[in-house]
Amino acid sequence: MRRTLRTWRHFVKSDEALAISEYAMLVAFIAIIVVGVLTIFGSQIGTWFSNRTGTITTV
């Protein structure tokens, strides 16, 4: 148990923990952007794909 706590404390103090948290924040930010774009433009994107699918099936 002590070894686990020691390892955890070392990880939290290391630069690797900072890098992981920065990447997690970046992924969360990108996810928020994607959800926002899909919410705003979702129907237009769906229409665009439907038109493309219709074009492909007629060729």
Foldseek 3Di string as FASTA:
>chain_A
DVVVVVVVVVCCPDVVVVVVVVVVVVVVVVVVVVVVCCVVCVVVVVVVVVVVVVVVVVD
